[in-house]
Amino acid sequence: MTSRGPASRTDVDIATGVLVGVRGGSVARAVEDLFATARDNRVSLFELSRTVITIAEGRDGGEPETRRVALARWGTALATQEELIGS
């Protein structure tokens, strides 16, 4: 967990924006992808969203299983985002 407090709906919105930014496509598609990934892997949608943000920012954190899920699903795209932020 990051120092921002508990994961929330705001994190879902931010993670959606991250996914649209790094992968393209629509907001609806990104939200659908977040929901499906959380459901299919039995992880919290809010924690998954927070983890997507954390990875995109180039920081460590999040529950290990949730981080593994996020990296397996969006690792390449998020790594590209991390490089852009770090530049």
Protein backbone atom coordinates (compact mmCIF):
# COMPACT_ATOMS: atom_id res chain seq x y z
CA MET A 1 0.00 0.00 0.00
CA THR A 2 1.30 3.43 -0.80
CA SER A 3 1.23 6.40 1.54
CA ARG A 4 -1.86 7.83 -0.19
CA GLY A 5 -4.30 6.01 2.09
CA PRO A 6 -6.77 3.23 1.30
CA ALA A 7 -7.41 2.41 -2.34
CA SER A 8 -10.63 3.98 -3.61
CA ARG A 9 -12.86 4.70 -6.59
CA THR A 10 -10.51 7.57 -7.42
CA ASP A 11 -7.75 5.00 -7.90
CA VAL A 12 -9.96 3.10 -10.35
CA ASP A 13 -10.43 6.32 -12.34
CA ILE A 14 -6.70 7.10 -12.31
CA ALA A 15 -5.72 3.54 -13.25
CA THR A 16 -8.25 3.68 -16.08
CA GLY A 17 -6.54 6.83 -17.35
CA VAL A 18 -3.14 5.17 -17.07
CA LEU A 19 -4.32 2.20 -19.13
CA VAL A 20 -5.91 4.44 -21.77
CA GLY A 21 -2.70 6.45 -21.91
CA VAL A 22 -0.33 3.52 -22.27
CA ARG A 23 -2.48 1.18 -24.36
CA GLY A 24 -4.87 3.43 -26.21
CA GLY A 25 -8.48 2.46 -26.67
CA SER A 26 -11.54 3.71 -24.90
CA VAL A 27 -12.24 4.42 -21.25
CA ALA A 28 -14.94 1.74 -21.36
CA ARG A 29 -12.44 -0.84 -22.61
CA ALA A 30 -9.91 0.07 -19.91
CA VAL A 31 -12.55 -0.15 -17.15
CA GLU A 32 -13.76 -3.47 -18.52
CA ASP A 33 -10.17 -4.75 -18.59
CA LEU A 34 -9.56 -3.69 -14.96
CA PHE A 35 -12.81 -5.31 -13.76
CA ALA A 36 -12.22 -8.53 -15.71
CA THR A 37 -8.61 -8.83 -14.58
CA ALA A 38 -9.57 -8.32 -10.93
CA ARG A 39 -12.45 -10.79 -11.18
CA ASP A 40 -10.54 -13.46 -13.11
CA ASN A 41 -7.61 -13.34 -10.70
CA ARG A 42 -9.70 -12.90 -7.54
CA VAL A 43 -7.97 -9.72 -6.44
CA SER A 44 -9.52 -6.48 -5.21
CA LEU A 45 -10.40 -4.04 -7.99
CA PHE A 46 -9.29 -1.17 -5.78
CA GLU A 47 -5.96 -2.78 -4.87
CA LEU A 48 -5.34 -3.69 -8.52
CA SER A 49 -6.03 -0.10 -9.53
CA ARG A 50 -3.67 1.23 -6.87
CA THR A 51 -1.02 -1.24 -8.00
CA VAL A 52 -1.34 -0.15 -11.66
CA ILE A 53 -0.74 3.44 -10.54
CA THR A 54 2.21 2.45 -8.35
CA ILE A 55 3.88 0.48 -11.16
CA ALA A 56 3.29 3.29 -13.68
CA GLU A 57 4.95 5.71 -11.25
CA GLY A 58 7.96 3.40 -11.04
CA ARG A 59 7.50 2.63 -7.36
CA ASP A 60 7.48 -0.63 -5.44
CA GLY A 61 4.47 -1.53 -3.38
CA GLY A 62 1.13 -3.23 -3.36
CA GLU A 63 0.24 -6.74 -2.38
CA PRO A 64 2.67 -9.20 -4.00
CA GLU A 65 -0.10 -11.23 -5.67
CA THR A 66 -1.82 -8.11 -7.01
CA ARG A 67 1.50 -6.79 -8.32
CA ARG A 68 2.14 -10.13 -10.04
CA VAL A 69 -1.31 -9.97 -11.68
CA ALA A 70 -0.81 -6.38 -12.87
CA LEU A 71 2.64 -7.09 -14.27
CA ALA A 72 1.43 -10.25 -16.01
CA ARG A 73 -1.46 -8.36 -17.64
CA TRP A 74 0.04 -4.93 -18.40
CA GLY A 75 3.74 -5.23 -17.58
CA THR A 76 5.12 -4.17 -20.94
CA ALA A 77 2.80 -1.18 -21.29
CA LEU A 78 3.37 -0.08 -17.70
CA ALA A 79 7.14 -0.43 -18.03
CA THR A 80 6.97 1.94 -21.00
CA GLN A 81 4.98 4.40 -18.86
CA GLU A 82 7.56 4.11 -16.08
CA GLU A 83 10.34 4.99 -18.53
CA LEU A 84 8.40 8.06 -19.70
CA ILE A 85 7.78 9.28 -16.15
CA GLY A 86 11.39 8.68 -15.17
CA SER A 87 12.72 10.72 -18.11
